[in-house]
């Protein structure tokens, strides 16, 4: 039988190996990837091409979300608010995978995911600051500009719903937008599943309740979900004017998905997708008001054709719509 002292050296060696490995792990220096510095490296044209915004626009956006995001940047080697903006804008602009964004920006895939989610919530929280329905003195100007488009009188907005495709290729979210002649979004509803009917989304919205209670001196133009058929030449001219005026919201939807290619195919969960859409709506109005140019060399996917919907009416709503149409035809067409 071996003596106790004979086994001690092997125990000492084993313990030494553990201590050595422990200290090696404890003091291993963390290596950080070299981050891109777009605001320093790129020209204005290159920034527009990659992020859809110029240098001053990016700084403006960063200042908007700084109160919300700056507390996350106090750690060593943390991302600045400007870097978070650039990562998120890059994702919005190209809509590619998080890994690709991370490789381009010099950060990990998980970092891109976290930044996009936080930035989308921060931008979405500004929705009431940048999206508002025309009131008082704004109403007359809104009517005038929409009238110039197609001679449709007393129009205070054009309404439409657009569906967003999820990672399974299905229309999972149906978004209601109201816009004006300047392609500014004046109202939005971002919460309904893709199966929701356009008319129901409007009927259960805060905008509908506001229009019903205050009865503004004007009308919002809808699409074929609320059809009014032409029975005579005057009504046909009304329909033609209606179509020309409503093209404002069609163009708006096209510009929105063209500027932010991520909206053409959202590979995220519905809640995250809604936050991203709200953020893009805010950024769209910022870009429009700041006259940010739209890239003419757009090579993203074509927007999906919206599925046809049968008309949906509440009792007596159809008759009311016809009465309003007929009154406008008598007085203007």
C-alpha atoms as a PDB file:
ATOM      1  CA  UNK A   1       0.000   0.000   0.000  1.00  0.00           C
ATOM      2  CA  UNK A   2       1.420   3.385  -0.979  1.00  0.00           C
ATOM      3  CA  UNK A   3       2.040   5.893   1.778  1.00  0.00           C
ATOM      4  CA  UNK A   4      -0.044   9.131   1.904  1.00  0.00           C
ATOM      5  CA  UNK A   5       2.986  11.203   1.101  1.00  0.00           C
ATOM      6  CA  UNK A   6       3.446   9.370  -2.186  1.00  0.00           C
ATOM      7  CA  UNK A   7       0.140  10.690  -3.549  1.00  0.00           C
ATOM      8  CA  UNK A   8       0.644  14.344  -2.560  1.00  0.00           C
ATOM      9  CA  UNK A   9       2.739  15.502  -5.562  1.00  0.00           C
ATOM     10  CA  UNK A  10       0.032  14.512  -8.058  1.00  0.00           C
ATOM     11  CA  UNK A  11      -2.568  16.429  -6.029  1.00  0.00           C
ATOM     12  CA  UNK A  12      -0.331  19.512  -5.936  1.00  0.00           C
ATOM     13  CA  UNK A  13       0.207  19.331  -9.685  1.00  0.00           C
ATOM     14  CA  UNK A  14      -3.538  18.958 -10.328  1.00  0.00           C
ATOM     15  CA  UNK A  15      -4.388  21.932  -8.079  1.00  0.00           C
ATOM     16  CA  UNK A  16      -1.703  24.019  -9.719  1.00  0.00           C
ATOM     17  CA  UNK A  17      -3.197  23.323 -13.135  1.00  0.00           C
ATOM     18  CA  UNK A  18      -6.621  24.440 -11.934  1.00  0.00           C
ATOM     19  CA  UNK A  19      -5.215  27.630 -10.445  1.00  0.00           C
ATOM     20  CA  UNK A  20      -3.270  28.304 -13.653  1.00  0.00           C
ATOM     21  CA  UNK A  21      -6.343  27.888 -15.841  1.00  0.00           C
ATOM     22  CA  UNK A  22      -8.422  30.028 -13.473  1.00  0.00           C
ATOM     23  CA  UNK A  23      -5.963  32.907 -13.580  1.00  0.00           C
ATOM     24  CA  UNK A  24      -5.604  32.579 -17.334  1.00  0.00           C
ATOM     25  CA  UNK A  25      -9.357  32.944 -17.818  1.00  0.00           C
ATOM     26  CA  UNK A  26      -9.641  35.708 -15.255  1.00  0.00           C
ATOM     27  CA  UNK A  27      -6.993  37.962 -16.738  1.00  0.00           C
ATOM     28  CA  UNK A  28      -7.587  37.267 -20.416  1.00  0.00           C
ATOM     29  CA  UNK A  29      -7.937  40.606 -22.175  1.00  0.00           C
ATOM     30  CA  UNK A  30     -11.166  41.077 -24.110  1.00  0.00           C
ATOM     31  CA  UNK A  31     -10.607  41.898 -27.768  1.00  0.00           C
ATOM     32  CA  UNK A  32     -13.040  44.359 -29.399  1.00  0.00           C
ATOM     33  CA  UNK A  33     -13.648  44.421 -33.124  1.00  0.00           C
ATOM     34  CA  UNK A  34     -12.676  47.555 -34.971  1.00  0.00           C
ATOM     35  CA  UNK A  35     -15.821  49.611 -35.366  1.00  0.00           C
ATOM     36  CA  UNK A  36     -16.692  51.489 -38.478  1.00  0.00           C
ATOM     37  CA  UNK A  37     -16.854  55.289 -38.229  1.00  0.00           C
ATOM     38  CA  UNK A  38     -19.235  56.284 -41.040  1.00  0.00           C
ATOM     39  CA  UNK A  39     -19.632  59.909 -39.966  1.00  0.00           C
ATOM     40  CA  UNK A  40     -15.883  60.364 -40.343  1.00  0.00           C
ATOM     41  CA  UNK A  41     -15.229  58.038 -43.265  1.00  0.00           C
ATOM     42  CA  UNK A  42     -18.073  58.723 -45.707  1.00  0.00           C
ATOM     43  CA  UNK A  43     -19.048  61.692 -47.814  1.00  0.00           C
ATOM     44  CA  UNK A  44     -22.583  63.086 -47.687  1.00  0.00           C
ATOM     45  CA  UNK A  45     -23.536  61.148 -50.818  1.00  0.00           C
ATOM     46  CA  UNK A  46     -22.204  57.914 -49.343  1.00  0.00           C
ATOM     47  CA  UNK A  47     -24.121  58.485 -46.111  1.00  0.00           C
ATOM     48  CA  UNK A  48     -27.368  59.016 -48.048  1.00  0.00           C
ATOM     49  CA  UNK A  49     -26.748  55.835 -50.042  1.00  0.00           C
ATOM     50  CA  UNK A  50     -26.048  53.685 -46.973  1.00  0.00           C
ATOM     51  CA  UNK A  51     -28.265  55.194 -44.280  1.00  0.00           C
ATOM     52  CA  UNK A  52     -30.891  57.235 -46.212  1.00  0.00           C
ATOM     53  CA  UNK A  53     -29.895  60.321 -44.206  1.00  0.00           C
ATOM     54  CA  UNK A  54     -27.111  62.886 -44.357  1.00  0.00           C
ATOM     55  CA  UNK A  55     -24.644  63.888 -41.649  1.00  0.00           C
ATOM     56  CA  UNK A  56     -26.750  66.713 -40.181  1.00  0.00           C
ATOM     57  CA  UNK A  57     -29.895  64.557 -40.313  1.00  0.00           C
ATOM     58  CA  UNK A  58     -28.185  61.737 -38.413  1.00  0.00           C
ATOM     59  CA  UNK A  59     -27.003  64.143 -35.727  1.00  0.00           C
ATOM     60  CA  UNK A  60     -30.536  65.566 -35.492  1.00  0.00           C
ATOM     61  CA  UNK A  61     -32.010  62.060 -35.028  1.00  0.00           C
ATOM     62  CA  UNK A  62     -29.349  61.190 -32.445  1.00  0.00           C
ATOM     63  CA  UNK A  63     -30.260  64.275 -30.414  1.00  0.00           C
ATOM     64  CA  UNK A  64     -33.940  63.258 -30.468  1.00  0.00           C
ATOM     65  CA  UNK A  65     -33.282  59.857 -28.881  1.00  0.00           C
ATOM     66  CA  UNK A  66     -30.324  60.873 -26.719  1.00  0.00           C
ATOM     67  CA  UNK A  67     -32.402  61.371 -23.523  1.00  0.00           C
ATOM     68  CA  UNK A  68     -33.672  57.790 -23.856  1.00  0.00           C
ATOM     69  CA  UNK A  69     -30.514  56.023 -24.998  1.00  0.00           C
ATOM     70  CA  UNK A  70     -27.603  57.901 -23.472  1.00  0.00           C
ATOM     71  CA  UNK A  71     -27.847  56.066 -20.120  1.00  0.00           C
ATOM     72  CA  UNK A  72     -26.885  52.900 -21.984  1.00  0.00           C
ATOM     73  CA  UNK A  73     -23.565  54.327 -23.134  1.00  0.00           C
ATOM     74  CA  UNK A  74     -21.797  54.906 -19.796  1.00  0.00           C
ATOM     75  CA  UNK A  75     -19.989  51.543 -19.739  1.00  0.00           C
ATOM     76  CA  UNK A  76     -16.450  51.131 -21.006  1.00  0.00           C
ATOM     77  CA  UNK A  77     -16.337  50.699 -24.789  1.00  0.00           C
ATOM     78  CA  UNK A  78     -20.123  51.152 -24.988  1.00  0.00           C
ATOM     79  CA  UNK A  79     -21.827  52.304 -28.167  1.00  0.00           C
ATOM     80  CA  UNK A  80     -22.444  56.014 -28.451  1.00  0.00           C
ATOM     81  CA  UNK A  81     -25.928  57.275 -29.344  1.00  0.00           C
ATOM     82  CA  UNK A  82     -24.610  58.201 -32.806  1.00  0.00           C
ATOM     83  CA  UNK A  83     -23.307  54.654 -33.326  1.00  0.00           C
ATOM     84  CA  UNK A  84     -26.654  53.206 -32.259  1.00  0.00           C
ATOM     85  CA  UNK A  85     -28.388  55.509 -34.736  1.00  0.00           C
ATOM     86  CA  UNK A  86     -26.106  54.428 -37.574  1.00  0.00           C
ATOM     87  CA  UNK A  87     -26.576  50.723 -36.855  1.00  0.00           C
ATOM     88  CA  UNK A  88     -30.354  51.115 -36.788  1.00  0.00           C
ATOM     89  CA  UNK A  89     -30.556  53.356 -39.852  1.00  0.00           C
ATOM     90  CA  UNK A  90     -28.390  50.903 -41.760  1.00  0.00           C
ATOM     91  CA  UNK A  91     -30.828  48.111 -40.913  1.00  0.00           C
ATOM     92  CA  UNK A  92     -33.864  50.229 -41.835  1.00  0.00           C
ATOM     93  CA  UNK A  93     -32.284  51.273 -45.137  1.00  0.00           C
ATOM     94  CA  UNK A  94     -31.249  47.854 -46.420  1.00  0.00           C
ATOM     95  CA  UNK A  95     -33.379  45.404 -44.421  1.00  0.00           C
ATOM     96  CA  UNK A  96     -30.750  42.686 -44.489  1.00  0.00           C
ATOM     97  CA  UNK A  97     -29.798  40.236 -41.741  1.00  0.00           C
ATOM     98  CA  UNK A  98     -28.444  41.430 -38.388  1.00  0.00           C
ATOM     99  CA  UNK A  99     -25.220  39.511 -39.030  1.00  0.00           C
ATOM    100  CA  UNK A 100     -24.541  41.455 -42.216  1.00  0.00           C
ATOM    101  CA  UNK A 101     -25.187  44.759 -40.451  1.00  0.00           C
ATOM    102  CA  UNK A 102     -22.874  43.692 -37.643  1.00  0.00           C
ATOM    103  CA  UNK A 103     -20.081  42.762 -40.037  1.00  0.00           C
ATOM    104  CA  UNK A 104     -20.357  46.136 -41.790  1.00  0.00           C
ATOM    105  CA  UNK A 105     -20.472  48.145 -38.572  1.00  0.00           C
ATOM    106  CA  UNK A 106     -17.918  46.134 -36.578  1.00  0.00           C
ATOM    107  CA  UNK A 107     -20.292  44.831 -33.880  1.00  0.00           C
ATOM    108  CA  UNK A 108     -21.818  41.486 -32.969  1.00  0.00           C
ATOM    109  CA  UNK A 109     -25.106  40.212 -34.340  1.00  0.00           C
ATOM    110  CA  UNK A 110     -26.663  40.246 -30.850  1.00  0.00           C
ATOM    111  CA  UNK A 111     -25.613  43.881 -30.440  1.00  0.00           C
ATOM    112  CA  UNK A 112     -27.363  44.830 -33.691  1.00  0.00           C
ATOM    113  CA  UNK A 113     -30.548  43.086 -32.526  1.00  0.00           C
ATOM    114  CA  UNK A 114     -30.538  44.858 -29.156  1.00  0.00           C
ATOM    115  CA  UNK A 115     -29.731  48.252 -30.675  1.00  0.00           C
ATOM    116  CA  UNK A 116     -32.447  48.036 -33.353  1.00  0.00           C
ATOM    117  CA  UNK A 117     -35.058  47.057 -30.757  1.00  0.00           C
ATOM    118  CA  UNK A 118     -34.089  49.844 -28.329  1.00  0.00           C
ATOM    119  CA  UNK A 119     -33.790  52.470 -31.049  1.00  0.00           C
ATOM    120  CA  UNK A 120     -37.154  51.498 -32.566  1.00  0.00           C
ATOM    121  CA  UNK A 121     -38.876  51.902 -29.206  1.00  0.00           C
ATOM    122  CA  UNK A 122     -37.173  55.270 -28.664  1.00  0.00           C
ATOM    123  CA  UNK A 123     -38.201  56.578 -32.082  1.00  0.00           C
ATOM    124  CA  UNK A 124     -41.702  55.112 -31.815  1.00  0.00           C
ATOM    125  CA  UNK A 125     -42.241  56.997 -28.554  1.00  0.00           C
ATOM    126  CA  UNK A 126     -41.956  60.243 -30.570  1.00  0.00           C
ATOM    127  CA  UNK A 127     -44.953  59.385 -32.756  1.00  0.00           C
ATOM    128  CA  UNK A 128     -47.244  62.069 -31.278  1.00  0.00           C
ATOM    129  CA  UNK A 129     -44.534  64.680 -31.766  1.00  0.00           C
ATOM    130  CA  UNK A 130     -44.130  63.999 -35.480  1.00  0.00           C
ATOM    131  CA  UNK A 131     -47.502  62.583 -36.565  1.00  0.00           C
ATOM    132  CA  UNK A 132     -50.604  64.738 -36.062  1.00  0.00           C
ATOM    133  CA  UNK A 133     -53.901  65.259 -37.901  1.00  0.00           C
ATOM    134  CA  UNK A 134     -54.415  68.780 -39.337  1.00  0.00           C
ATOM    135  CA  UNK A 135     -56.306  71.177 -37.114  1.00  0.00           C
ATOM    136  CA  UNK A 136     -57.491  74.779 -37.305  1.00  0.00           C
ATOM    137  CA  UNK A 137     -55.269  76.807 -39.640  1.00  0.00           C
ATOM    138  CA  UNK A 138     -53.594  73.659 -41.014  1.00  0.00           C
ATOM    139  CA  UNK A 139     -56.899  72.332 -42.345  1.00  0.00           C
ATOM    140  CA  UNK A 140     -57.363  75.019 -44.996  1.00  0.00           C
ATOM    141  CA  UNK A 141     -53.854  74.541 -46.343  1.00  0.00           C
ATOM    142  CA  UNK A 142     -54.307  70.750 -46.401  1.00  0.00           C
ATOM    143  CA  UNK A 143     -57.566  71.086 -48.354  1.00  0.00           C
ATOM    144  CA  UNK A 144     -55.999  73.504 -50.834  1.00  0.00           C
ATOM    145  CA  UNK A 145     -53.046  71.253 -51.667  1.00  0.00           C
ATOM    146  CA  UNK A 146     -55.201  68.141 -52.030  1.00  0.00           C
ATOM    147  CA  UNK A 147     -57.648  70.073 -54.218  1.00  0.00           C
ATOM    148  CA  UNK A 148     -54.781  71.003 -56.534  1.00  0.00           C
ATOM    149  CA  UNK A 149     -54.047  67.303 -57.063  1.00  0.00           C
ATOM    150  CA  UNK A 150     -57.432  66.313 -58.490  1.00  0.00           C
ATOM    151  CA  UNK A 151     -60.034  69.055 -57.926  1.00  0.00           C
ATOM    152  CA  UNK A 152     -61.601  67.130 -55.054  1.00  0.00           C
ATOM    153  CA  UNK A 153     -63.085  69.704 -52.621  1.00  0.00           C
ATOM    154  CA  UNK A 154     -62.919  69.706 -48.815  1.00  0.00           C
ATOM    155  CA  UNK A 155     -60.440  66.830 -48.529  1.00  0.00           C
ATOM    156  CA  UNK A 156     -58.404  66.756 -45.321  1.00  0.00           C
ATOM    157  CA  UNK A 157     -56.592  63.482 -45.928  1.00  0.00           C
ATOM    158  CA  UNK A 158     -56.333  60.274 -47.917  1.00  0.00           C
ATOM    159  CA  UNK A 159     -56.501  56.950 -46.089  1.00  0.00           C
ATOM    160  CA  UNK A 160     -55.195  53.507 -46.967  1.00  0.00           C
ATOM    161  CA  UNK A 161     -54.059  50.303 -45.311  1.00  0.00           C
ATOM    162  CA  UNK A 162     -50.903  48.477 -46.292  1.00  0.00           C
ATOM    163  CA  UNK A 163     -49.828  45.000 -45.217  1.00  0.00           C
ATOM    164  CA  UNK A 164     -46.368  43.963 -44.154  1.00  0.00           C
ATOM    165  CA  UNK A 165     -44.863  40.599 -44.938  1.00  0.00           C
ATOM    166  CA  UNK A 166     -43.306  38.575 -42.131  1.00  0.00           C
ATOM    167  CA  UNK A 167     -40.459  36.059 -42.236  1.00  0.00           C
ATOM    168  CA  UNK A 168     -42.895  33.316 -43.277  1.00  0.00           C
ATOM    169  CA  UNK A 169     -44.036  35.298 -46.316  1.00  0.00           C
ATOM    170  CA  UNK A 170     -47.472  36.084 -44.889  1.00  0.00           C
ATOM    171  CA  UNK A 171     -49.170  39.461 -44.490  1.00  0.00           C
ATOM    172  CA  UNK A 172     -49.028  39.496 -40.691  1.00  0.00           C
ATOM    173  CA  UNK A 173     -49.585  43.196 -39.940  1.00  0.00           C
ATOM    174  CA  UNK A 174     -52.086  45.624 -41.482  1.00  0.00           C
ATOM    175  CA  UNK A 175     -51.174  49.289 -41.003  1.00  0.00           C
ATOM    176  CA  UNK A 176     -53.590  52.179 -41.510  1.00  0.00           C
ATOM    177  CA  UNK A 177     -52.065  55.435 -42.733  1.00  0.00           C
ATOM    178  CA  UNK A 178     -53.570  58.851 -43.464  1.00  0.00           C
ATOM    179  CA  UNK A 179     -51.506  61.266 -45.519  1.00  0.00           C
ATOM    180  CA  UNK A 180     -51.627  64.678 -47.157  1.00  0.00           C
ATOM    181  CA  UNK A 181     -50.467  66.089 -50.488  1.00  0.00           C
ATOM    182  CA  UNK A 182     -46.924  66.640 -49.151  1.00  0.00           C
ATOM    183  CA  UNK A 183     -46.594  62.901 -48.386  1.00  0.00           C
ATOM    184  CA  UNK A 184     -46.624  63.625 -44.658  1.00  0.00           C
ATOM    185  CA  UNK A 185     -48.241  60.922 -42.515  1.00  0.00           C
ATOM    186  CA  UNK A 186     -50.901  62.628 -40.384  1.00  0.00           C
ATOM    187  CA  UNK A 187     -52.356  59.575 -38.632  1.00  0.00           C
ATOM    188  CA  UNK A 188     -51.449  55.922 -38.233  1.00  0.00           C
ATOM    189  CA  UNK A 189     -52.711  52.739 -36.586  1.00  0.00           C
ATOM    190  CA  UNK A 190     -50.031  50.100 -36.056  1.00  0.00           C
ATOM    191  CA  UNK A 191     -51.399  47.110 -34.177  1.00  0.00           C
ATOM    192  CA  UNK A 192     -53.761  45.034 -36.329  1.00  0.00           C
ATOM    193  CA  UNK A 193     -53.067  41.559 -37.749  1.00  0.00           C
ATOM    194  CA  UNK A 194     -52.947  41.150 -41.512  1.00  0.00           C
ATOM    195  CA  UNK A 195     -56.404  39.601 -41.553  1.00  0.00           C
ATOM    196  CA  UNK A 196     -58.027  42.775 -40.200  1.00  0.00           C
ATOM    197  CA  UNK A 197     -60.363  44.459 -42.690  1.00  0.00           C
ATOM    198  CA  UNK A 198     -59.504  48.040 -43.647  1.00  0.00           C
ATOM    199  CA  UNK A 199     -62.986  49.298 -42.773  1.00  0.00           C
ATOM    200  CA  UNK A 200     -62.904  47.685 -39.332  1.00  0.00           C
ATOM    201  CA  UNK A 201     -59.495  49.162 -38.538  1.00  0.00           C
ATOM    202  CA  UNK A 202     -60.824  52.627 -39.369  1.00  0.00           C
ATOM    203  CA  UNK A 203     -64.084  52.127 -37.489  1.00  0.00           C
ATOM    204  CA  UNK A 204     -62.290  51.111 -34.272  1.00  0.00           C
ATOM    205  CA  UNK A 205     -59.601  53.785 -34.467  1.00  0.00           C
ATOM    206  CA  UNK A 206     -59.252  56.942 -32.385  1.00  0.00           C
ATOM    207  CA  UNK A 207     -59.352  58.948 -35.622  1.00  0.00           C
ATOM    208  CA  UNK A 208     -62.822  57.594 -36.467  1.00  0.00           C
ATOM    209  CA  UNK A 209     -64.125  58.527 -33.016  1.00  0.00           C
ATOM    210  CA  UNK A 210     -62.601  61.989 -33.372  1.00  0.00           C
ATOM    211  CA  UNK A 211     -64.192  62.522 -36.795  1.00  0.00           C
ATOM    212  CA  UNK A 212     -67.563  61.251 -35.559  1.00  0.00           C
ATOM    213  CA  UNK A 213     -67.624  63.460 -32.470  1.00  0.00           C
ATOM    214  CA  UNK A 214     -66.239  66.706 -33.893  1.00  0.00           C
ATOM    215  CA  UNK A 215     -67.490  66.414 -37.490  1.00  0.00           C
ATOM    216  CA  UNK A 216     -64.786  68.508 -39.164  1.00  0.00           C
ATOM    217  CA  UNK A 217     -65.627  70.491 -42.277  1.00  0.00           C
ATOM    218  CA  UNK A 218     -63.920  68.070 -44.606  1.00  0.00           C
ATOM    219  CA  UNK A 219     -63.628  64.436 -45.629  1.00  0.00           C
ATOM    220  CA  UNK A 220     -61.047  61.647 -45.720  1.00  0.00           C
ATOM    221  CA  UNK A 221     -60.867  59.735 -48.992  1.00  0.00           C
ATOM    222  CA  UNK A 222     -60.886  55.941 -48.825  1.00  0.00           C
ATOM    223  CA  UNK A 223     -60.258  53.257 -51.435  1.00  0.00           C
ATOM    224  CA  UNK A 224     -62.173  50.345 -52.923  1.00  0.00           C
ATOM    225  CA  UNK A 225     -62.928  48.952 -49.478  1.00  0.00           C
ATOM    226  CA  UNK A 226     -65.590  51.694 -49.484  1.00  0.00           C
ATOM    227  CA  UNK A 227     -66.799  51.633 -53.120  1.00  0.00           C
ATOM    228  CA  UNK A 228     -69.149  54.182 -54.629  1.00  0.00           C
ATOM    229  CA  UNK A 229     -70.143  53.190 -58.159  1.00  0.00           C
ATOM    230  CA  UNK A 230     -70.641  55.715 -60.950  1.00  0.00           C
ATOM    231  CA  UNK A 231     -74.088  55.865 -62.521  1.00  0.00           C
ATOM    232  CA  UNK A 232     -73.727  58.986 -64.693  1.00  0.00           C
ATOM    233  CA  UNK A 233     -71.027  61.232 -66.244  1.00  0.00           C
ATOM    234  CA  UNK A 234     -70.982  63.553 -63.233  1.00  0.00           C
ATOM    235  CA  UNK A 235     -70.332  60.664 -60.889  1.00  0.00           C
ATOM    236  CA  UNK A 236     -67.671  59.353 -63.270  1.00  0.00           C
ATOM    237  CA  UNK A 237     -65.883  62.718 -63.067  1.00  0.00           C
ATOM    238  CA  UNK A 238     -66.166  62.497 -59.281  1.00  0.00           C
ATOM    239  CA  UNK A 239     -64.533  59.065 -59.334  1.00  0.00           C
ATOM    240  CA  UNK A 240     -61.733  60.342 -61.577  1.00  0.00           C
ATOM    241  CA  UNK A 241     -61.062  63.246 -59.217  1.00  0.00           C
ATOM    242  CA  UNK A 242     -61.260  60.887 -56.261  1.00  0.00           C
ATOM    243  CA  UNK A 243     -58.637  58.620 -57.832  1.00  0.00           C
ATOM    244  CA  UNK A 244     -56.226  61.477 -58.624  1.00  0.00           C
ATOM    245  CA  UNK A 245     -56.470  62.826 -55.094  1.00  0.00           C
ATOM    246  CA  UNK A 246     -56.077  59.442 -53.434  1.00  0.00           C
ATOM    247  CA  UNK A 247     -52.838  58.809 -55.305  1.00  0.00           C
ATOM    248  CA  UNK A 248     -51.176  60.871 -52.536  1.00  0.00           C
ATOM    249  CA  UNK A 249     -51.530  58.005 -50.069  1.00  0.00           C
ATOM    250  CA  UNK A 250     -50.485  55.434 -52.686  1.00  0.00           C
ATOM    251  CA  UNK A 251     -47.319  57.424 -53.382  1.00  0.00           C
ATOM    252  CA  UNK A 252     -46.718  57.845 -49.668  1.00  0.00           C
ATOM    253  CA  UNK A 253     -46.844  54.097 -49.056  1.00  0.00           C
ATOM    254  CA  UNK A 254     -44.480  53.545 -51.971  1.00  0.00           C
ATOM    255  CA  UNK A 255     -41.981  56.120 -50.715  1.00  0.00           C
ATOM    256  CA  UNK A 256     -42.130  54.706 -47.182  1.00  0.00           C
ATOM    257  CA  UNK A 257     -41.245  51.176 -48.324  1.00  0.00           C
ATOM    258  CA  UNK A 258     -38.716  52.466 -50.819  1.00  0.00           C
ATOM    259  CA  UNK A 259     -36.853  54.599 -48.281  1.00  0.00           C
ATOM    260  CA  UNK A 260     -36.883  51.860 -45.621  1.00  0.00           C
ATOM    261  CA  UNK A 261     -36.309  48.572 -47.400  1.00  0.00           C
ATOM    262  CA  UNK A 262     -36.639  46.638 -44.131  1.00  0.00           C
ATOM    263  CA  UNK A 263     -40.420  47.180 -44.404  1.00  0.00           C
ATOM    264  CA  UNK A 264     -40.635  45.024 -47.520  1.00  0.00           C
ATOM    265  CA  UNK A 265     -39.784  41.898 -45.536  1.00  0.00           C
ATOM    266  CA  UNK A 266     -39.751  41.941 -41.720  1.00  0.00           C
ATOM    267  CA  UNK A 267     -37.886  38.995 -40.193  1.00  0.00           C
ATOM    268  CA  UNK A 268     -38.868  39.814 -36.610  1.00  0.00           C
ATOM    269  CA  UNK A 269     -41.687  39.075 -34.195  1.00  0.00           C
ATOM    270  CA  UNK A 270     -44.934  41.092 -34.590  1.00  0.00           C
ATOM    271  CA  UNK A 271     -44.334  43.318 -31.531  1.00  0.00           C
ATOM    272  CA  UNK A 272     -40.835  44.212 -32.722  1.00  0.00           C
ATOM    273  CA  UNK A 273     -42.189  44.710 -36.252  1.00  0.00           C
ATOM    274  CA  UNK A 274     -44.787  47.212 -34.989  1.00  0.00           C
ATOM    275  CA  UNK A 275     -42.068  49.170 -33.186  1.00  0.00           C
ATOM    276  CA  UNK A 276     -39.919  49.210 -36.324  1.00  0.00           C
ATOM    277  CA  UNK A 277     -42.854  50.415 -38.445  1.00  0.00           C
ATOM    278  CA  UNK A 278     -43.660  53.197 -35.971  1.00  0.00           C
ATOM    279  CA  UNK A 279     -40.007  54.246 -35.981  1.00  0.00           C
ATOM    280  CA  UNK A 280     -39.953  54.338 -39.780  1.00  0.00           C
ATOM    281  CA  UNK A 281     -43.133  56.428 -39.831  1.00  0.00           C
ATOM    282  CA  UNK A 282     -41.464  58.973 -37.539  1.00  0.00           C
ATOM    283  CA  UNK A 283     -38.310  58.947 -39.681  1.00  0.00           C
ATOM    284  CA  UNK A 284     -40.366  59.293 -42.870  1.00  0.00           C
ATOM    285  CA  UNK A 285     -41.956  62.503 -41.612  1.00  0.00           C
ATOM    286  CA  UNK A 286     -38.560  63.766 -40.441  1.00  0.00           C
ATOM    287  CA  UNK A 287     -37.056  63.005 -43.854  1.00  0.00           C
ATOM    288  CA  UNK A 288     -39.956  64.651 -45.704  1.00  0.00           C
ATOM    289  CA  UNK A 289     -39.909  67.811 -43.602  1.00  0.00           C
ATOM    290  CA  UNK A 290     -36.119  68.078 -43.825  1.00  0.00           C
ATOM    291  CA  UNK A 291     -36.251  67.451 -47.607  1.00  0.00           C
ATOM    292  CA  UNK A 292     -33.987  64.410 -47.397  1.00  0.00           C
ATOM    293  CA  UNK A 293     -33.495  63.128 -50.972  1.00  0.00           C
ATOM    294  CA  UNK A 294     -34.730  59.682 -51.935  1.00  0.00           C
ATOM    295  CA  UNK A 295     -32.211  57.418 -53.652  1.00  0.00           C
ATOM    296  CA  UNK A 296     -33.140  57.065 -57.318  1.00  0.00           C
ATOM    297  CA  UNK A 297     -31.063  53.909 -57.693  1.00  0.00           C
ATOM    298  CA  UNK A 298     -33.453  51.818 -55.654  1.00  0.00           C
ATOM    299  CA  UNK A 299     -32.937  48.122 -56.279  1.00  0.00           C
ATOM    300  CA  UNK A 300     -34.975  46.595 -53.477  1.00  0.00           C
ATOM    301  CA  UNK A 301     -37.978  44.281 -53.906  1.00  0.00           C
ATOM    302  CA  UNK A 302     -41.138  45.624 -55.439  1.00  0.00           C
ATOM    303  CA  UNK A 303     -43.919  46.285 -52.914  1.00  0.00           C
ATOM    304  CA  UNK A 304     -46.425  43.448 -52.694  1.00  0.00           C
ATOM    305  CA  UNK A 305     -49.778  43.870 -54.383  1.00  0.00           C
ATOM    306  CA  UNK A 306     -52.354  44.388 -51.685  1.00  0.00           C
ATOM    307  CA  UNK A 307     -54.944  41.604 -51.491  1.00  0.00           C
ATOM    308  CA  UNK A 308     -58.413  42.561 -52.631  1.00  0.00           C
ATOM    309  CA  UNK A 309     -60.941  43.043 -49.855  1.00  0.00           C
ATOM    310  CA  UNK A 310     -64.716  42.827 -50.079  1.00  0.00           C
ATOM    311  CA  UNK A 311     -66.546  46.011 -49.102  1.00  0.00           C
ATOM    312  CA  UNK A 312     -67.652  46.233 -45.496  1.00  0.00           C
ATOM    313  CA  UNK A 313     -70.404  48.586 -44.374  1.00  0.00           C
ATOM    314  CA  UNK A 314     -72.158  49.260 -41.136  1.00  0.00           C
ATOM    315  CA  UNK A 315     -75.942  49.713 -41.272  1.00  0.00           C
ATOM    316  CA  UNK A 316     -76.817  52.956 -43.084  1.00  0.00           C
ATOM    317  CA  UNK A 317     -73.138  53.817 -43.714  1.00  0.00           C
ATOM    318  CA  UNK A 318     -73.424  52.963 -47.383  1.00  0.00           C
ATOM    319  CA  UNK A 319     -76.430  55.253 -47.801  1.00  0.00           C
ATOM    320  CA  UNK A 320     -74.630  58.078 -45.992  1.00  0.00           C
ATOM    321  CA  UNK A 321     -71.599  57.701 -48.265  1.00  0.00           C
ATOM    322  CA  UNK A 322     -73.765  57.855 -51.355  1.00  0.00           C
ATOM    323  CA  UNK A 323     -75.568  60.943 -50.044  1.00  0.00           C
ATOM    324  CA  UNK A 324     -72.272  62.739 -49.471  1.00  0.00           C
ATOM    325  CA  UNK A 325     -70.988  61.693 -52.887  1.00  0.00           C
ATOM    326  CA  UNK A 326     -74.180  62.842 -54.598  1.00  0.00           C
ATOM    327  CA  UNK A 327     -74.055  66.235 -52.842  1.00  0.00           C
ATOM    328  CA  UNK A 328     -70.468  66.803 -53.988  1.00  0.00           C
ATOM    329  CA  UNK A 329     -71.345  65.728 -57.543  1.00  0.00           C
ATOM    330  CA  UNK A 330     -74.262  68.181 -57.684  1.00  0.00           C
ATOM    331  CA  UNK A 331     -72.191  71.107 -56.416  1.00  0.00           C
ATOM    332  CA  UNK A 332     -68.799  70.524 -58.066  1.00  0.00           C
ATOM    333  CA  UNK A 333     -69.052  68.111 -60.996  1.00  0.00           C
END
